[in-house]
Amino acid sequence: MVRIALDAGHGQDTYEQRNAKGIETNGEVFEEHQFNASVVSFLKEFLEYNGFSVLLTQPLYGKEVSLKERTDLANRTDVDLFWSVHANASNDPYTRGSCCFYWHSSDEGKRLAYLFAKHMQHSGIHLHGDGVHASKIGEWTNFHVIRETKMVAILTENGFMTNEEDLALMKTSEYRRKVARNHAQAISEYFGHTYRNPEQQWESIASWKQEAVEWLYEEGLLEGEEWKQKVNDPLPLWAQAIVFKRLYDRLNG
């Protein structure tokens, strides 16, 4: 089974400790790790649904783990791919778009990087340049998690927090899910796996839930319009008791 190390950049405490890796606009703080962890959470689910094994190098919404600890864990565990998720920032508020980085001498890393760019662009996400940058020693692209990993490693930047358009997107669950889906599709294609979309199954389940609730209304077992708006919420014990009592009375009437 292919095993992938997913790395949610930074930690829940990074912004408070460094006053960095986040942005404050109109009194509201947007912490990078919140975005990174959300994307990784979706990505983990998508990859596992497609048969991949996932290792998390950074606890989601947990305290920051050092870069060395992350790469040491991935190297020690002998994973097949290291994939790091980030959000970007710039002094230029007009700079925007997504991109990824690979180690300059890695042909496989370069191939995967272009798969990332392809899927991001095809989904309508704006790219920064052509979406692909080589990581090299002595340059600003010299990222530890790409340099110090033994396996193919990719670091993704999924929009600029400092750009108004990108930031508005990054705050939404829809965009985070789209980013994760693109990542999963690129990884699947790289390993020669036909991507299966778990969201289609979720839509089917949602439809089944709706039909079940409508049947309860049609049969007079459930009343009150509010339940139609809470299909995904657990039914309180007292409401379950009412449904069971009405069903029992009907069966014994």
Protein backbone atom coordinates (compact mmCIF):
# COMPACT_ATOMS: atom_id res chain seq x y z
CA MET A 1 0.00 0.00 0.00
CA VAL A 2 1.29 3.45 -0.92
CA ARG A 3 1.91 5.55 2.19
CA ILE A 4 1.82 9.33 2.10
CA ALA A 5 3.03 11.79 4.74
CA LEU A 6 0.66 14.75 4.91
CA ASP A 7 2.17 17.84 6.48
CA ALA A 8 -0.18 20.63 7.62
CA GLY A 9 2.16 23.62 7.68
CA HIS A 10 2.91 25.22 11.06
CA GLY A 11 0.73 24.76 14.15
CA GLN A 12 -2.21 26.11 16.11
CA ASP A 13 0.16 28.14 18.29
CA THR A 14 2.42 29.51 15.50
CA TYR A 15 0.66 32.82 14.93
CA GLU A 16 0.48 33.68 18.63
CA GLN A 17 4.13 32.85 19.24
CA ARG A 18 5.65 34.52 16.19
CA ASN A 19 2.97 37.00 15.13
CA ALA A 20 3.50 35.45 11.72
CA LYS A 21 1.97 32.77 9.49
CA GLY A 22 -1.35 34.54 9.49
CA ILE A 23 -2.95 37.87 8.73
CA GLU A 24 -5.22 40.32 10.52
CA THR A 25 -7.80 42.24 8.49
CA ASN A 26 -10.52 44.44 9.94
CA GLY A 27 -9.80 43.10 13.41
CA GLU A 28 -10.19 39.48 12.28
CA VAL A 29 -7.23 37.08 12.41
CA PHE A 30 -6.81 34.43 9.74
CA GLU A 31 -4.25 31.87 10.94
CA GLU A 32 -2.50 29.90 8.24
CA HIS A 33 -2.57 26.62 10.16
CA GLN A 34 -6.36 26.74 10.37
CA PHE A 35 -6.48 26.67 6.57
CA ASN A 36 -3.68 24.12 6.23
CA ALA A 37 -5.22 21.74 8.76
CA SER A 38 -8.64 22.00 7.13
CA VAL A 39 -7.25 21.15 3.68
CA VAL A 40 -5.20 18.25 5.08
CA SER A 41 -8.25 16.91 6.89
CA PHE A 42 -10.19 16.75 3.61
CA LEU A 43 -7.15 15.43 1.73
CA LYS A 44 -6.61 12.63 4.25
CA GLU A 45 -10.20 11.52 3.82
CA PHE A 46 -9.99 11.62 0.01
CA LEU A 47 -6.72 9.68 -0.09
CA GLU A 48 -7.83 7.01 2.35
CA TYR A 49 -11.03 6.54 0.38
CA ASN A 50 -8.79 5.84 -2.63
CA GLY A 51 -6.77 3.20 -0.81
CA PHE A 52 -3.73 5.22 0.28
CA SER A 53 -2.27 5.03 3.77
CA VAL A 54 -1.73 8.42 5.43
CA LEU A 55 0.76 9.58 8.06
CA LEU A 56 0.28 13.01 9.67
CA THR A 57 3.54 14.75 10.52
CA GLN A 58 1.80 17.61 12.34
CA PRO A 59 -1.26 17.11 14.59
CA LEU A 60 -4.18 18.92 13.00
CA TYR A 61 -5.03 22.02 15.05
CA GLY A 62 -2.24 21.03 17.47
CA LYS A 63 0.96 22.70 18.64
CA GLU A 64 3.67 23.24 16.06
CA VAL A 65 6.09 20.36 15.51
CA SER A 66 9.61 21.31 14.43
CA LEU A 67 10.60 20.86 10.80
CA LYS A 68 13.33 18.37 11.74
CA GLU A 69 10.88 16.25 13.72
CA ARG A 70 8.54 16.17 10.73
CA THR A 71 11.13 15.13 8.19
CA ASP A 72 12.74 12.66 10.62
CA LEU A 73 9.35 11.00 11.12
CA ALA A 74 8.74 10.73 7.38
CA ASN A 75 12.23 9.35 6.73
CA ARG A 76 12.02 6.90 9.63
CA THR A 77 8.60 5.67 8.54
CA ASP A 78 9.82 5.25 4.96
CA VAL A 79 6.80 6.84 3.31
CA ASP A 80 6.46 7.02 -0.48
CA LEU A 81 5.63 10.72 -0.70
CA PHE A 82 5.89 13.82 1.51
CA TRP A 83 3.16 16.39 0.78
CA SER A 84 3.12 19.71 2.63
CA VAL A 85 0.16 22.12 2.59
CA HIS A 86 0.55 25.88 3.08
CA ALA A 87 -0.90 29.30 2.36
CA ASN A 88 1.30 32.05 0.96
CA ALA A 89 1.92 35.74 1.78
CA SER A 90 3.49 38.70 -0.01
CA ASN A 91 4.26 42.36 0.51
CA ASP A 92 2.39 42.97 -2.75
CA PRO A 93 -1.38 42.75 -2.13
CA TYR A 94 -1.99 42.12 -5.84
CA THR A 95 0.11 38.94 -5.93
CA ARG A 96 -2.13 35.88 -5.92
CA GLY A 97 -2.42 32.28 -7.05
CA SER A 98 -1.39 28.78 -6.12
CA CYS A 99 1.90 27.01 -6.76
CA CYS A 100 4.07 24.19 -5.52
CA PHE A 101 7.76 23.47 -4.98
CA TYR A 102 9.85 20.39 -5.71
CA TRP A 103 13.56 19.63 -5.23
CA HIS A 104 15.37 20.88 -8.35
CA SER A 105 17.19 17.60 -9.09
CA SER A 106 14.15 15.37 -8.66
CA ASP A 107 12.59 14.42 -12.01
CA GLU A 108 9.77 12.61 -10.20
CA GLY A 109 9.14 15.63 -8.01
CA LYS A 110 8.96 17.83 -11.09
CA ARG A 111 6.51 15.45 -12.77
CA LEU A 112 4.25 15.45 -9.72
CA ALA A 113 4.50 19.25 -9.39
CA TYR A 114 3.17 19.71 -12.91
CA LEU A 115 0.32 17.28 -12.18
CA PHE A 116 -0.56 19.50 -9.21
CA ALA A 117 -0.57 22.59 -11.42
CA LYS A 118 -2.66 20.83 -14.06
CA HIS A 119 -5.42 19.79 -11.68
CA MET A 120 -5.49 23.13 -9.88
CA GLN A 121 -5.77 25.03 -13.16
CA HIS A 122 -8.38 22.70 -14.64
CA SER A 123 -10.59 23.27 -11.59
CA GLY A 124 -10.46 27.04 -12.17
CA ILE A 125 -7.96 27.92 -9.44
CA HIS A 126 -5.60 30.75 -10.38
CA LEU A 127 -1.92 29.79 -10.57
CA HIS A 128 1.08 31.84 -9.47
CA GLY A 129 3.16 31.86 -12.64
CA ASP A 130 2.94 28.39 -14.16
CA GLY A 131 2.32 26.97 -10.69
CA VAL A 132 5.65 25.14 -10.42
CA HIS A 133 8.92 26.25 -8.78
CA ALA A 134 12.19 24.39 -8.20
CA SER A 135 13.62 24.36 -4.67
CA LYS A 136 17.40 24.93 -4.48
CA ILE A 137 20.10 25.44 -1.87
CA GLY A 138 21.17 29.09 -1.63
CA GLU A 139 17.82 30.41 -2.87
CA TRP A 140 14.65 31.48 -1.06
CA THR A 141 13.05 28.26 -2.30
CA ASN A 142 15.40 26.17 -0.13
CA PHE A 143 12.68 24.59 2.02
CA HIS A 144 13.70 22.15 4.74
CA VAL A 145 10.85 19.69 4.18
CA ILE A 146 11.81 19.29 0.52
CA ARG A 147 15.58 19.27 1.04
CA GLU A 148 15.76 16.90 4.03
CA THR A 149 13.31 14.19 2.93
CA LYS A 150 14.52 10.99 1.31
CA MET A 151 11.40 10.48 -0.78
CA VAL A 152 9.69 12.65 -3.39
CA ALA A 153 8.52 15.80 -1.60
CA ILE A 154 6.16 18.58 -2.64
CA LEU A 155 5.33 21.80 -0.80
CA THR A 156 2.12 23.48 -1.95
CA GLU A 157 1.09 27.12 -1.53
CA ASN A 158 -2.65 27.37 -2.09
CA GLY A 159 -3.25 31.08 -2.43
CA PHE A 160 -2.04 34.32 -0.87
CA MET A 161 -3.50 35.37 2.47
CA THR A 162 -2.37 38.90 1.60
CA ASN A 163 -4.55 39.05 -1.52
CA GLU A 164 -8.19 40.00 -1.02
CA GLU A 165 -9.55 37.60 -3.65
CA ASP A 166 -7.48 34.63 -2.53
CA LEU A 167 -8.23 35.26 1.14
CA ALA A 168 -11.98 35.36 0.54
CA LEU A 169 -11.74 31.96 -1.17
CA MET A 170 -9.49 30.46 1.46
CA LYS A 171 -12.00 31.25 4.19
CA THR A 172 -14.61 28.97 2.58
CA SER A 173 -15.01 25.25 3.11
CA GLU A 174 -15.88 24.86 -0.57
CA TYR A 175 -12.47 26.17 -1.68
CA ARG A 176 -10.60 24.09 0.89
CA ARG A 177 -12.41 20.98 -0.30
CA LYS A 178 -11.64 21.85 -3.93
CA VAL A 179 -7.94 22.30 -3.14
CA ALA A 180 -7.84 18.97 -1.31
CA ARG A 181 -9.62 17.26 -4.21
CA ASN A 182 -7.08 18.62 -6.69
CA HIS A 183 -4.22 17.44 -4.50
CA ALA A 184 -5.75 13.98 -4.21
CA GLN A 185 -6.30 13.78 -7.97
CA ALA A 186 -2.69 14.78 -8.70
CA ILE A 187 -1.33 12.24 -6.20
CA SER A 188 -3.60 9.52 -7.56
CA GLU A 189 -2.51 10.20 -11.14
CA TYR A 190 1.15 10.21 -10.12
CA PHE A 191 0.82 6.72 -8.62
CA GLY A 192 -1.21 5.45 -11.58
CA HIS A 193 -4.42 5.19 -9.60
CA THR A 194 -7.83 6.07 -11.05
CA TYR A 195 -9.29 8.64 -8.67
CA ARG A 196 -12.62 7.77 -7.08
CA ASN A 197 -14.65 10.70 -5.82
CA PRO A 198 -16.00 10.06 -2.29
CA GLU A 199 -18.21 13.14 -2.60
CA GLN A 200 -20.44 11.28 -5.06
CA GLN A 201 -21.09 8.71 -2.36
CA TRP A 202 -21.80 11.49 0.12
CA GLU A 203 -24.35 12.98 -2.28
CA SER A 204 -26.02 9.59 -2.56
CA ILE A 205 -26.13 9.25 1.22
CA ALA A 206 -27.55 12.75 1.56
CA SER A 207 -30.30 11.87 -0.93
CA TRP A 208 -31.11 8.69 1.01
CA LYS A 209 -31.32 10.64 4.27
CA GLN A 210 -33.70 13.15 2.72
CA GLU A 211 -35.93 10.41 1.37
CA ALA A 212 -36.04 8.69 4.76
CA VAL A 213 -37.05 11.91 6.54
CA GLU A 214 -39.72 12.65 3.95
CA TRP A 215 -41.14 9.14 4.47
CA LEU A 216 -41.42 9.80 8.22
CA TYR A 217 -43.44 12.95 7.45
CA GLU A 218 -45.63 11.21 4.88
CA GLU A 219 -46.47 8.47 7.37
CA GLY A 220 -47.24 10.95 10.11
CA LEU A 221 -44.43 9.66 12.32
CA LEU A 222 -42.62 12.98 12.45
CA GLU A 223 -44.03 16.51 12.67
CA GLY A 224 -42.57 19.97 12.65
CA GLU A 225 -40.88 21.59 9.65
CA GLU A 226 -37.63 22.13 11.55
CA TRP A 227 -36.55 18.50 11.11
CA LYS A 228 -36.48 18.90 7.34
CA GLN A 229 -33.67 21.40 7.81
CA LYS A 230 -31.69 19.11 10.12
CA VAL A 231 -31.31 15.95 8.04
CA ASN A 232 -27.66 15.50 9.08
CA ASP A 233 -28.27 16.20 12.78
CA PRO A 234 -28.91 13.43 15.34
CA LEU A 235 -32.57 13.10 16.30
CA PRO A 236 -32.97 13.89 20.05
CA LEU A 237 -33.98 11.00 22.27
CA TRP A 238 -37.39 12.49 22.98
CA ALA A 239 -38.10 12.86 19.25
CA GLN A 240 -36.99 9.27 18.65
CA ALA A 241 -39.35 8.17 21.43
CA ILE A 242 -42.26 9.94 19.74
CA VAL A 243 -41.50 8.28 16.40
CA PHE A 244 -41.24 4.83 18.01
CA LYS A 245 -44.45 5.34 20.03
CA ARG A 246 -46.42 6.39 16.95
CA LEU A 247 -45.04 3.42 15.01
CA TYR A 248 -45.86 1.09 17.92
CA ASP A 249 -49.42 2.45 18.22
CA ARG A 250 -49.93 1.97 14.48
CA LEU A 251 -48.65 -1.61 14.53
CA ASN A 252 -50.82 -2.47 17.52
CA GLY A 253 -53.84 -0.40 16.56
